[in-house]
Amino acid sequence: MSDHNGVAATPAPRKRADARRNEATLLEAAAATFLTAGVDAPVRDIAARAGVGVGTIYRHFPTRADLIVAVYRHQVQACAEAAPTLLASSGTPHAALAAWINLFVDFLVTKHGLAGALQSDAAAFETLHGYFLDRLVPACARLLDAAVEAGEIQPGTHPEELLFAVGNLCAGAGRMPHYDARRMVGLLIAGLRRP
């Protein structure tokens, strides 16, 4: 691999397995804290939840924006990686699709505050949106294709459309007291089934 000057670029060093686990623990603690207390929650709360010192968080993520971006990317990657696992472990491809969509709903609920925090930095938000599409559209497509191949759903549902529809159904959460986004998404997924 070379850069634009033709000079060989050295690949970024891979993190050790324990460093990746520690970072994942920090990101999960941050996501849980953001969900309950918002993206402006004190870093000390995230550190306490992760069982580390505040300095450890700043060593990994020097700014709050770095942490927010990392949480978003971590959640997108976890959602994408769940698709093949669910496909292999679920009774049917439709069941795998429904379970994956539930994970996607969980992601959207957490992402809501993250997206708002990132709106102020349009370039970062656009980059993350591209990351979101690059990871989640193929995961959704794989599940849809398997369900079509199994004869469980009608062909013709595009993954981008399904993700957009689920996102729109989740947008009402928190705005109306009796609105249940998960129930509405369940109806959408059930509606994909062949009669």
N, C-alpha and C. Protein backbone atom coordinates (compact mmCIF):
# COMPACT_ATOMS: atom_id res chain seq x y z
N MET A 1 0.84 -1.17 0.00
CA MET A 1 0.00 0.00 0.00
C MET A 1 0.89 1.23 0.00
N SER A 2 0.53 2.26 -0.78
CA SER A 2 1.34 3.48 -0.78
C SER A 2 0.43 4.69 -0.68
N ASP A 3 0.99 5.80 -0.20
CA ASP A 3 0.20 7.01 -0.10
C ASP A 3 0.23 7.77 -1.42
N HIS A 4 -0.33 8.98 -1.44
CA HIS A 4 -0.44 9.73 -2.70
C HIS A 4 0.91 10.15 -3.27
N ASN A 5 1.99 10.05 -2.49
CA ASN A 5 3.32 10.40 -3.00
C ASN A 5 4.08 9.17 -3.48
N GLY A 6 3.44 8.00 -3.46
CA GLY A 6 4.09 6.78 -3.89
C GLY A 6 4.95 6.14 -2.82
N VAL A 7 4.97 6.71 -1.62
CA VAL A 7 5.75 6.16 -0.52
C VAL A 7 4.93 5.08 0.16
N ALA A 8 5.60 3.98 0.47
CA ALA A 8 4.88 2.88 1.11
C ALA A 8 4.34 3.34 2.46
N ALA A 9 3.04 3.12 2.66
CA ALA A 9 2.41 3.49 3.93
C ALA A 9 2.45 2.29 4.86
N THR A 10 2.77 2.56 6.12
CA THR A 10 2.78 1.47 7.08
C THR A 10 1.38 1.31 7.65
N PRO A 11 0.86 0.08 7.65
CA PRO A 11 -0.47 -0.11 8.20
C PRO A 11 -0.49 0.24 9.68
N ALA A 12 -1.64 0.70 10.15
CA ALA A 12 -1.78 1.03 11.56
C ALA A 12 -1.61 -0.25 12.37
N PRO A 13 -0.89 -0.17 13.49
CA PRO A 13 -0.69 -1.39 14.28
C PRO A 13 -2.02 -1.89 14.84
N ARG A 14 -2.18 -3.21 14.87
CA ARG A 14 -3.39 -3.80 15.42
C ARG A 14 -3.30 -3.76 16.94
N LYS A 15 -4.43 -3.50 17.56
CA LYS A 15 -4.45 -3.49 19.02
C LYS A 15 -4.43 -4.92 19.53
N ARG A 16 -3.83 -5.10 20.68
CA ARG A 16 -3.84 -6.41 21.32
C ARG A 16 -5.28 -6.76 21.70
N ALA A 17 -5.54 -8.04 21.86
CA ALA A 17 -6.91 -8.51 22.18
C ALA A 17 -7.40 -7.89 23.48
N ASP A 18 -6.54 -7.81 24.50
CA ASP A 18 -6.99 -7.24 25.78
C ASP A 18 -7.27 -5.74 25.65
N ALA A 19 -6.50 -5.04 24.82
CA ALA A 19 -6.75 -3.61 24.59
C ALA A 19 -8.07 -3.41 23.87
N ARG A 20 -8.39 -4.30 22.91
CA ARG A 20 -9.68 -4.21 22.20
C ARG A 20 -10.83 -4.49 23.16
N ARG A 21 -10.65 -5.48 24.05
CA ARG A 21 -11.70 -5.78 25.04
C ARG A 21 -11.91 -4.60 25.98
N ASN A 22 -10.81 -3.99 26.45
CA ASN A 22 -10.92 -2.84 27.35
C ASN A 22 -11.64 -1.68 26.67
N GLU A 23 -11.29 -1.45 25.42
CA GLU A 23 -11.95 -0.37 24.68
C GLU A 23 -13.43 -0.68 24.49
N ALA A 24 -13.77 -1.93 24.18
CA ALA A 24 -15.17 -2.32 24.02
C ALA A 24 -15.93 -2.11 25.32
N THR A 25 -15.30 -2.43 26.47
CA THR A 25 -15.94 -2.23 27.77
C THR A 25 -16.23 -0.74 28.00
N LEU A 26 -15.25 0.10 27.65
CA LEU A 26 -15.45 1.55 27.80
C LEU A 26 -16.59 2.03 26.91
N LEU A 27 -16.64 1.55 25.67
CA LEU A 27 -17.67 1.99 24.74
C LEU A 27 -19.04 1.52 25.16
N GLU A 28 -19.14 0.31 25.69
CA GLU A 28 -20.43 -0.19 26.17
C GLU A 28 -20.89 0.60 27.39
N ALA A 29 -19.96 0.93 28.28
CA ALA A 29 -20.30 1.75 29.45
C ALA A 29 -20.75 3.14 29.02
N ALA A 30 -20.06 3.71 28.04
CA ALA A 30 -20.44 5.03 27.54
C ALA A 30 -21.83 4.98 26.90
N ALA A 31 -22.08 3.95 26.09
CA ALA A 31 -23.40 3.84 25.44
C ALA A 31 -24.50 3.72 26.46
N ALA A 32 -24.28 2.89 27.50
CA ALA A 32 -25.30 2.72 28.54
C ALA A 32 -25.52 4.03 29.30
N THR A 33 -24.44 4.74 29.58
CA THR A 33 -24.55 6.02 30.28
C THR A 33 -25.26 7.06 29.41
N PHE A 34 -24.91 7.11 28.13
CA PHE A 34 -25.57 8.04 27.22
C PHE A 34 -27.06 7.77 27.14
N LEU A 35 -27.43 6.48 27.16
CA LEU A 35 -28.83 6.11 27.06
C LEU A 35 -29.62 6.59 28.27
N THR A 36 -29.04 6.46 29.45
CA THR A 36 -29.77 6.84 30.66
C THR A 36 -29.62 8.31 31.04
N ALA A 37 -28.44 8.90 30.74
CA ALA A 37 -28.18 10.26 31.21
C ALA A 37 -27.90 11.26 30.10
N GLY A 38 -27.89 10.81 28.84
CA GLY A 38 -27.62 11.71 27.73
C GLY A 38 -26.14 11.80 27.42
N VAL A 39 -25.84 12.36 26.24
CA VAL A 39 -24.45 12.41 25.78
C VAL A 39 -23.60 13.43 26.54
N ASP A 40 -24.24 14.26 27.34
CA ASP A 40 -23.49 15.22 28.15
C ASP A 40 -23.21 14.69 29.55
N ALA A 41 -23.46 13.41 29.78
CA ALA A 41 -23.20 12.82 31.10
C ALA A 41 -21.73 13.01 31.48
N PRO A 42 -21.46 13.21 32.78
CA PRO A 42 -20.07 13.38 33.20
C PRO A 42 -19.22 12.15 32.88
N VAL A 43 -17.99 12.39 32.47
CA VAL A 43 -17.07 11.31 32.13
C VAL A 43 -16.84 10.43 33.36
N ARG A 44 -16.88 11.00 34.55
CA ARG A 44 -16.66 10.20 35.76
C ARG A 44 -17.75 9.13 35.91
N ASP A 45 -18.99 9.42 35.42
CA ASP A 45 -20.06 8.42 35.47
C ASP A 45 -19.76 7.25 34.53
N ILE A 46 -19.24 7.58 33.37
CA ILE A 46 -18.87 6.53 32.40
C ILE A 46 -17.73 5.69 32.98
N ALA A 47 -16.73 6.37 33.55
CA ALA A 47 -15.59 5.67 34.14
C ALA A 47 -16.04 4.74 35.26
N ALA A 48 -16.94 5.22 36.12
CA ALA A 48 -17.44 4.39 37.22
C ALA A 48 -18.16 3.17 36.69
N ARG A 49 -18.98 3.36 35.66
CA ARG A 49 -19.72 2.23 35.09
C ARG A 49 -18.77 1.21 34.46
N ALA A 50 -17.68 1.71 33.87
CA ALA A 50 -16.70 0.82 33.22
C ALA A 50 -15.71 0.22 34.22
N GLY A 51 -15.67 0.78 35.45
CA GLY A 51 -14.74 0.28 36.45
C GLY A 51 -13.31 0.72 36.20
N VAL A 52 -13.14 1.92 35.62
CA VAL A 52 -11.81 2.45 35.34
C VAL A 52 -11.73 3.89 35.85
N GLY A 53 -10.53 4.43 35.81
CA GLY A 53 -10.34 5.83 36.17
C GLY A 53 -10.68 6.75 35.01
N VAL A 54 -10.98 7.99 35.31
CA VAL A 54 -11.30 8.98 34.28
C VAL A 54 -10.14 9.13 33.29
N GLY A 55 -8.90 9.06 33.79
CA GLY A 55 -7.74 9.18 32.92
C GLY A 55 -7.69 8.11 31.84
N THR A 56 -8.19 6.93 32.16
CA THR A 56 -8.21 5.85 31.18
C THR A 56 -9.11 6.21 30.00
N ILE A 57 -10.23 6.82 30.30
CA ILE A 57 -11.14 7.22 29.22
C ILE A 57 -10.49 8.30 28.36
N TYR A 58 -9.87 9.29 28.99
CA TYR A 58 -9.22 10.35 28.22
C TYR A 58 -8.01 9.84 27.43
N ARG A 59 -7.37 8.80 27.93
CA ARG A 59 -6.25 8.22 27.18
C ARG A 59 -6.76 7.58 25.89
N HIS A 60 -7.91 6.95 25.94
CA HIS A 60 -8.49 6.32 24.75
C HIS A 60 -9.22 7.33 23.87
N PHE A 61 -9.90 8.28 24.52
CA PHE A 61 -10.77 9.23 23.79
C PHE A 61 -10.52 10.63 24.34
N PRO A 62 -9.59 11.37 23.73
CA PRO A 62 -9.19 12.68 24.26
C PRO A 62 -10.33 13.70 24.37
N THR A 63 -11.34 13.60 23.51
CA THR A 63 -12.45 14.56 23.57
C THR A 63 -13.77 13.81 23.64
N ARG A 64 -14.80 14.50 24.08
CA ARG A 64 -16.14 13.91 24.12
C ARG A 64 -16.59 13.51 22.72
N ALA A 65 -16.27 14.33 21.72
CA ALA A 65 -16.63 14.01 20.34
C ALA A 65 -15.98 12.70 19.91
N ASP A 66 -14.71 12.48 20.30
CA ASP A 66 -14.03 11.23 19.97
C ASP A 66 -14.79 10.05 20.58
N LEU A 67 -15.24 10.22 21.81
CA LEU A 67 -15.97 9.16 22.49
C LEU A 67 -17.33 8.90 21.82
N ILE A 68 -18.04 9.95 21.48
CA ILE A 68 -19.35 9.81 20.85
C ILE A 68 -19.21 9.10 19.50
N VAL A 69 -18.24 9.50 18.71
CA VAL A 69 -18.01 8.87 17.40
C VAL A 69 -17.66 7.40 17.59
N ALA A 70 -16.80 7.10 18.56
CA ALA A 70 -16.39 5.71 18.81
C ALA A 70 -17.57 4.86 19.26
N VAL A 71 -18.44 5.41 20.11
CA VAL A 71 -19.63 4.67 20.56
C VAL A 71 -20.51 4.35 19.36
N TYR A 72 -20.74 5.34 18.53
CA TYR A 72 -21.59 5.16 17.35
C TYR A 72 -21.03 4.06 16.45
N ARG A 73 -19.74 4.15 16.15
CA ARG A 73 -19.11 3.16 15.27
C ARG A 73 -19.14 1.76 15.90
N HIS A 74 -18.89 1.69 17.18
CA HIS A 74 -18.90 0.40 17.89
C HIS A 74 -20.29 -0.24 17.81
N GLN A 75 -21.33 0.56 18.00
CA GLN A 75 -22.68 0.02 17.97
C GLN A 75 -23.08 -0.41 16.55
N VAL A 76 -22.68 0.35 15.57
CA VAL A 76 -22.97 -0.03 14.19
C VAL A 76 -22.27 -1.35 13.86
N GLN A 77 -21.01 -1.46 14.24
CA GLN A 77 -20.25 -2.68 13.95
C GLN A 77 -20.86 -3.88 14.66
N ALA A 78 -21.25 -3.72 15.92
CA ALA A 78 -21.86 -4.84 16.67
C ALA A 78 -23.16 -5.28 16.02
N CYS A 79 -23.95 -4.33 15.56
CA CYS A 79 -25.21 -4.65 14.89
C CYS A 79 -24.94 -5.40 13.58
N ALA A 80 -23.99 -4.93 12.81
CA ALA A 80 -23.65 -5.58 11.54
C ALA A 80 -23.14 -7.00 11.78
N GLU A 81 -22.28 -7.17 12.77
CA GLU A 81 -21.70 -8.49 13.04
C GLU A 81 -22.72 -9.48 13.58
N ALA A 82 -23.82 -9.00 14.13
CA ALA A 82 -24.85 -9.90 14.67
C ALA A 82 -25.62 -10.63 13.58
N ALA A 83 -25.70 -10.06 12.37
CA ALA A 83 -26.53 -10.65 11.31
C ALA A 83 -26.15 -12.09 10.99
N PRO A 84 -24.89 -12.39 10.66
CA PRO A 84 -24.57 -13.78 10.33
C PRO A 84 -24.73 -14.72 11.52
N THR A 85 -24.45 -14.23 12.72
CA THR A 85 -24.62 -15.06 13.92
C THR A 85 -26.08 -15.42 14.11
N LEU A 86 -26.97 -14.45 13.96
CA LEU A 86 -28.40 -14.71 14.11
C LEU A 86 -28.91 -15.64 13.01
N LEU A 87 -28.39 -15.46 11.82
CA LEU A 87 -28.80 -16.31 10.70
C LEU A 87 -28.42 -17.77 10.97
N ALA A 88 -27.26 -17.97 11.57
CA ALA A 88 -26.79 -19.32 11.86
C ALA A 88 -27.50 -19.95 13.06
N SER A 89 -27.97 -19.10 14.01
CA SER A 89 -28.50 -19.65 15.25
C SER A 89 -30.02 -19.61 15.38
N SER A 90 -30.69 -18.91 14.49
CA SER A 90 -32.16 -18.80 14.57
C SER A 90 -32.82 -19.95 13.85
N GLY A 91 -34.05 -20.24 14.22
CA GLY A 91 -34.79 -21.33 13.61
C GLY A 91 -35.09 -21.12 12.14
N THR A 92 -35.34 -19.87 11.76
CA THR A 92 -35.65 -19.55 10.36
C THR A 92 -34.99 -18.23 10.00
N PRO A 93 -34.79 -17.98 8.71
CA PRO A 93 -34.25 -16.68 8.30
C PRO A 93 -35.16 -15.51 8.72
N HIS A 94 -36.48 -15.72 8.68
CA HIS A 94 -37.38 -14.64 9.11
C HIS A 94 -37.19 -14.35 10.60
N ALA A 95 -37.01 -15.40 11.41
CA ALA A 95 -36.75 -15.20 12.84
C ALA A 95 -35.44 -14.45 13.04
N ALA A 96 -34.43 -14.77 12.23
CA ALA A 96 -33.15 -14.07 12.31
C ALA A 96 -33.32 -12.60 11.94
N LEU A 97 -34.09 -12.35 10.90
CA LEU A 97 -34.36 -10.97 10.47
C LEU A 97 -35.07 -10.20 11.58
N ALA A 98 -36.10 -10.82 12.18
CA ALA A 98 -36.85 -10.15 13.26
C ALA A 98 -35.94 -9.85 14.45
N ALA A 99 -35.09 -10.81 14.82
CA ALA A 99 -34.17 -10.59 15.95
C ALA A 99 -33.17 -9.49 15.62
N TRP A 100 -32.68 -9.48 14.38
CA TRP A 100 -31.71 -8.45 13.99
C TRP A 100 -32.36 -7.07 13.97
N ILE A 101 -33.59 -7.00 13.49
CA ILE A 101 -34.29 -5.72 13.48
C ILE A 101 -34.50 -5.22 14.91
N ASN A 102 -34.74 -6.13 15.86
CA ASN A 102 -34.84 -5.71 17.27
C ASN A 102 -33.53 -5.10 17.76
N LEU A 103 -32.40 -5.69 17.36
CA LEU A 103 -31.10 -5.11 17.70
C LEU A 103 -30.94 -3.73 17.07
N PHE A 104 -31.40 -3.61 15.83
CA PHE A 104 -31.33 -2.34 15.13
C PHE A 104 -32.18 -1.29 15.85
N VAL A 105 -33.34 -1.68 16.33
CA VAL A 105 -34.19 -0.77 17.10
C VAL A 105 -33.46 -0.31 18.35
N ASP A 106 -32.82 -1.25 19.06
CA ASP A 106 -32.03 -0.87 20.25
C ASP A 106 -30.95 0.14 19.88
N PHE A 107 -30.27 -0.10 18.77
CA PHE A 107 -29.25 0.82 18.29
C PHE A 107 -29.84 2.20 18.03
N LEU A 108 -31.00 2.24 17.36
CA LEU A 108 -31.62 3.52 17.03
C LEU A 108 -32.00 4.30 18.27
N VAL A 109 -32.47 3.61 19.29
CA VAL A 109 -32.86 4.28 20.53
C VAL A 109 -31.63 4.95 21.15
N THR A 110 -30.51 4.24 21.19
CA THR A 110 -29.28 4.81 21.74
C THR A 110 -28.72 5.89 20.82
N LYS A 111 -28.80 5.65 19.52
CA LYS A 111 -28.24 6.56 18.52
C LYS A 111 -28.92 7.92 18.54
N HIS A 112 -30.17 7.96 18.97
CA HIS A 112 -30.93 9.21 18.91
C HIS A 112 -30.14 10.37 19.52
N GLY A 113 -29.64 10.20 20.73
CA GLY A 113 -28.87 11.27 21.36
C GLY A 113 -27.54 11.49 20.69
N LEU A 114 -26.93 10.43 20.20
CA LEU A 114 -25.64 10.56 19.53
C LEU A 114 -25.77 11.37 18.26
N ALA A 115 -26.81 11.09 17.49
CA ALA A 115 -27.02 11.81 16.24
C ALA A 115 -27.19 13.30 16.50
N GLY A 116 -27.94 13.63 17.52
CA GLY A 116 -28.15 15.04 17.86
C GLY A 116 -26.84 15.72 18.22
N ALA A 117 -26.00 15.01 18.97
CA ALA A 117 -24.72 15.58 19.38
C ALA A 117 -23.79 15.77 18.19
N LEU A 118 -23.92 14.94 17.18
CA LEU A 118 -23.03 15.01 16.03
C LEU A 118 -23.52 15.98 14.95
N GLN A 119 -24.75 16.43 15.03
CA GLN A 119 -25.31 17.31 14.00
C GLN A 119 -24.48 18.58 13.84
N SER A 120 -23.85 19.03 14.93
CA SER A 120 -23.09 20.28 14.85
C SER A 120 -21.83 20.14 14.00
N ASP A 121 -21.34 18.92 13.83
CA ASP A 121 -20.16 18.69 13.00
C ASP A 121 -20.61 17.91 11.77
N ALA A 122 -21.01 18.64 10.73
CA ALA A 122 -21.60 18.02 9.54
C ALA A 122 -20.67 17.01 8.89
N ALA A 123 -19.38 17.30 8.83
CA ALA A 123 -18.43 16.39 8.18
C ALA A 123 -18.36 15.06 8.94
N ALA A 124 -18.26 15.13 10.26
CA ALA A 124 -18.21 13.90 11.07
C ALA A 124 -19.50 13.12 10.93
N PHE A 125 -20.62 13.84 10.91
CA PHE A 125 -21.92 13.17 10.81
C PHE A 125 -22.05 12.47 9.46
N GLU A 126 -21.64 13.12 8.38
CA GLU A 126 -21.71 12.50 7.05
C GLU A 126 -20.83 11.27 6.98
N THR A 127 -19.64 11.33 7.55
CA THR A 127 -18.75 10.18 7.56
C THR A 127 -19.39 9.01 8.30
N LEU A 128 -20.00 9.31 9.44
CA LEU A 128 -20.64 8.25 10.22
C LEU A 128 -21.86 7.70 9.50
N HIS A 129 -22.58 8.55 8.79
CA HIS A 129 -23.74 8.07 8.04
C HIS A 129 -23.28 7.09 6.95
N GLY A 130 -22.18 7.41 6.29
CA GLY A 130 -21.62 6.51 5.30
C GLY A 130 -21.19 5.19 5.93
N TYR A 131 -20.57 5.27 7.11
CA TYR A 131 -20.16 4.07 7.84
C TYR A 131 -21.38 3.21 8.17
N PHE A 132 -22.43 3.85 8.63
CA PHE A 132 -23.70 3.20 8.96
C PHE A 132 -24.23 2.44 7.74
N LEU A 133 -24.31 3.11 6.61
CA LEU A 133 -24.84 2.47 5.39
C LEU A 133 -23.93 1.34 4.91
N ASP A 134 -22.62 1.57 4.94
CA ASP A 134 -21.67 0.56 4.46
C ASP A 134 -21.72 -0.73 5.28
N ARG A 135 -22.05 -0.63 6.56
CA ARG A 135 -22.07 -1.82 7.43
C ARG A 135 -23.46 -2.45 7.53
N LEU A 136 -24.49 -1.61 7.68
CA LEU A 136 -25.81 -2.16 8.00
C LEU A 136 -26.63 -2.57 6.78
N VAL A 137 -26.47 -1.89 5.66
CA VAL A 137 -27.24 -2.27 4.48
C VAL A 137 -26.87 -3.69 4.02
N PRO A 138 -25.58 -4.04 3.91
CA PRO A 138 -25.26 -5.42 3.52
C PRO A 138 -25.74 -6.46 4.54
N ALA A 139 -25.68 -6.13 5.83
CA ALA A 139 -26.15 -7.07 6.86
C ALA A 139 -27.64 -7.32 6.69
N CYS A 140 -28.40 -6.25 6.50
CA CYS A 140 -29.84 -6.38 6.29
C CYS A 140 -30.14 -7.13 4.99
N ALA A 141 -29.40 -6.84 3.94
CA ALA A 141 -29.60 -7.50 2.65
C ALA A 141 -29.38 -9.00 2.77
N ARG A 142 -28.36 -9.38 3.52
CA ARG A 142 -28.08 -10.81 3.71
C ARG A 142 -29.27 -11.52 4.36
N LEU A 143 -29.84 -10.89 5.38
CA LEU A 143 -30.99 -11.48 6.07
C LEU A 143 -32.23 -11.52 5.18
N LEU A 144 -32.46 -10.44 4.45
CA LEU A 144 -33.61 -10.41 3.53
C LEU A 144 -33.46 -11.47 2.45
N ASP A 145 -32.27 -11.58 1.87
CA ASP A 145 -32.03 -12.58 0.82
C ASP A 145 -32.27 -13.99 1.33
N ALA A 146 -31.81 -14.27 2.55
CA ALA A 146 -32.00 -15.61 3.12
C ALA A 146 -33.49 -15.89 3.34
N ALA A 147 -34.25 -14.90 3.79
CA ALA A 147 -35.68 -15.09 4.02
C ALA A 147 -36.43 -15.26 2.70
N VAL A 148 -36.02 -14.54 1.67
CA VAL A 148 -36.63 -14.70 0.34
C VAL A 148 -36.32 -16.10 -0.19
N GLU A 149 -35.05 -16.50 -0.08
CA GLU A 149 -34.64 -17.81 -0.58
C GLU A 149 -35.38 -18.95 0.13
N ALA A 150 -35.69 -18.75 1.41
CA ALA A 150 -36.43 -19.76 2.18
C ALA A 150 -37.93 -19.72 1.88
N GLY A 151 -38.35 -18.73 1.08
CA GLY A 151 -39.76 -18.61 0.75
C GLY A 151 -40.61 -18.01 1.86
N GLU A 152 -39.94 -17.34 2.81
CA GLU A 152 -40.67 -16.78 3.96
C GLU A 152 -41.21 -15.37 3.70
N ILE A 153 -40.54 -14.62 2.85
CA ILE A 153 -41.02 -13.28 2.54
C ILE A 153 -41.03 -13.08 1.03
N GLN A 154 -41.83 -12.11 0.60
CA GLN A 154 -41.90 -11.77 -0.82
C GLN A 154 -40.58 -11.11 -1.24
N PRO A 155 -40.10 -11.36 -2.44
CA PRO A 155 -38.91 -10.63 -2.92
C PRO A 155 -39.28 -9.17 -3.19
N GLY A 156 -38.26 -8.35 -3.26
CA GLY A 156 -38.47 -6.96 -3.65
C GLY A 156 -38.33 -5.94 -2.53
N THR A 157 -38.12 -6.39 -1.29
CA THR A 157 -37.88 -5.43 -0.21
C THR A 157 -36.41 -5.04 -0.24
N HIS A 158 -36.14 -3.77 -0.42
CA HIS A 158 -34.76 -3.28 -0.46
C HIS A 158 -34.30 -2.99 0.96
N PRO A 159 -33.08 -3.38 1.30
CA PRO A 159 -32.61 -3.18 2.67
C PRO A 159 -32.62 -1.71 3.11
N GLU A 160 -32.26 -0.79 2.21
CA GLU A 160 -32.28 0.63 2.59
C GLU A 160 -33.69 1.08 2.95
N GLU A 161 -34.67 0.61 2.19
CA GLU A 161 -36.07 0.97 2.47
C GLU A 161 -36.50 0.43 3.82
N LEU A 162 -36.14 -0.82 4.11
CA LEU A 162 -36.54 -1.42 5.38
C LEU A 162 -35.90 -0.67 6.55
N LEU A 163 -34.60 -0.38 6.45
CA LEU A 163 -33.92 0.36 7.52
C LEU A 163 -34.53 1.74 7.70
N PHE A 164 -34.87 2.39 6.60
CA PHE A 164 -35.50 3.71 6.66
C PHE A 164 -36.87 3.62 7.32
N ALA A 165 -37.64 2.60 6.96
CA ALA A 165 -38.98 2.42 7.54
C ALA A 165 -38.89 2.18 9.04
N VAL A 166 -37.95 1.33 9.44
CA VAL A 166 -37.78 1.05 10.87
C VAL A 166 -37.36 2.34 11.59
N GLY A 167 -36.44 3.08 10.99
CA GLY A 167 -36.01 4.35 11.59
C GLY A 167 -37.16 5.32 11.76
N ASN A 168 -38.04 5.39 10.77
CA ASN A 168 -39.19 6.29 10.88
C ASN A 168 -40.15 5.84 11.97
N LEU A 169 -40.33 4.53 12.11
CA LEU A 169 -41.21 4.03 13.17
C LEU A 169 -40.62 4.31 14.55
N CYS A 170 -39.31 4.29 14.64
CA CYS A 170 -38.65 4.57 15.92
C CYS A 170 -38.62 6.06 16.25
N ALA A 171 -38.77 6.89 15.26
CA ALA A 171 -38.71 8.34 15.48
C ALA A 171 -39.83 8.82 16.40
N GLY A 172 -40.94 8.11 16.43
CA GLY A 172 -42.06 8.51 17.29
C GLY A 172 -41.85 8.17 18.75
N ALA A 173 -40.88 7.31 19.05
CA ALA A 173 -40.63 6.91 20.44
C ALA A 173 -40.26 8.12 21.28
N GLY A 174 -40.87 8.23 22.44
CA GLY A 174 -40.57 9.34 23.34
C GLY A 174 -41.38 10.59 23.05
N ARG A 175 -42.06 10.64 21.93
CA ARG A 175 -42.85 11.84 21.60
C ARG A 175 -44.31 11.69 22.02
N MET A 176 -44.79 10.44 22.02
CA MET A 176 -46.17 10.19 22.41
C MET A 176 -46.15 9.19 23.57
N PRO A 177 -46.94 9.44 24.62
CA PRO A 177 -46.83 8.61 25.82
C PRO A 177 -47.16 7.13 25.60
N HIS A 178 -48.06 6.81 24.69
CA HIS A 178 -48.47 5.41 24.52
C HIS A 178 -47.93 4.78 23.25
N TYR A 179 -46.98 5.44 22.61
CA TYR A 179 -46.43 4.92 21.36
C TYR A 179 -45.39 3.86 21.68
N ASP A 180 -45.53 2.69 21.07
CA ASP A 180 -44.60 1.58 21.28
C ASP A 180 -43.92 1.26 19.95
N ALA A 181 -42.74 1.82 19.77
CA ALA A 181 -42.01 1.66 18.51
C ALA A 181 -41.73 0.18 18.23
N ARG A 182 -41.37 -0.57 19.25
CA ARG A 182 -41.04 -1.97 19.04
C ARG A 182 -42.25 -2.74 18.54
N ARG A 183 -43.43 -2.44 19.04
CA ARG A 183 -44.65 -3.12 18.57
C ARG A 183 -44.93 -2.76 17.11
N MET A 184 -44.75 -1.49 16.77
CA MET A 184 -44.98 -1.06 15.39
C MET A 184 -43.97 -1.71 14.44
N VAL A 185 -42.73 -1.80 14.85
CA VAL A 185 -41.70 -2.44 14.03
C VAL A 185 -42.02 -3.93 13.89
N GLY A 186 -42.52 -4.55 14.97
CA GLY A 186 -42.92 -5.95 14.91
C GLY A 186 -44.01 -6.19 13.88
N LEU A 187 -44.97 -5.26 13.80
CA LEU A 187 -46.03 -5.37 12.80
C LEU A 187 -45.45 -5.26 11.38
N LEU A 188 -44.49 -4.36 11.21
CA LEU A 188 -43.85 -4.20 9.91
C LEU A 188 -43.15 -5.50 9.49
N ILE A 189 -42.39 -6.09 10.39
CA ILE A 189 -41.64 -7.31 10.08
C ILE A 189 -42.61 -8.48 9.84
N ALA A 190 -43.65 -8.56 10.63
CA ALA A 190 -44.65 -9.62 10.42
C ALA A 190 -45.32 -9.45 9.05
N GLY A 191 -45.49 -8.20 8.63
CA GLY A 191 -46.12 -7.92 7.34
C GLY A 191 -45.29 -8.32 6.14
N LEU A 192 -44.00 -8.56 6.35
CA LEU A 192 -43.13 -9.01 5.25
C LEU A 192 -43.37 -10.47 4.90
N ARG A 193 -43.95 -11.22 5.83
CA ARG A 193 -44.12 -12.67 5.62
C ARG A 193 -45.05 -12.95 4.46
N ARG A 194 -44.75 -14.01 3.76
CA ARG A 194 -45.63 -14.48 2.69
C ARG A 194 -46.90 -15.04 3.32
N PRO A 195 -48.05 -14.82 2.68
CA PRO A 195 -49.29 -15.38 3.24
C PRO A 195 -49.31 -16.89 3.12
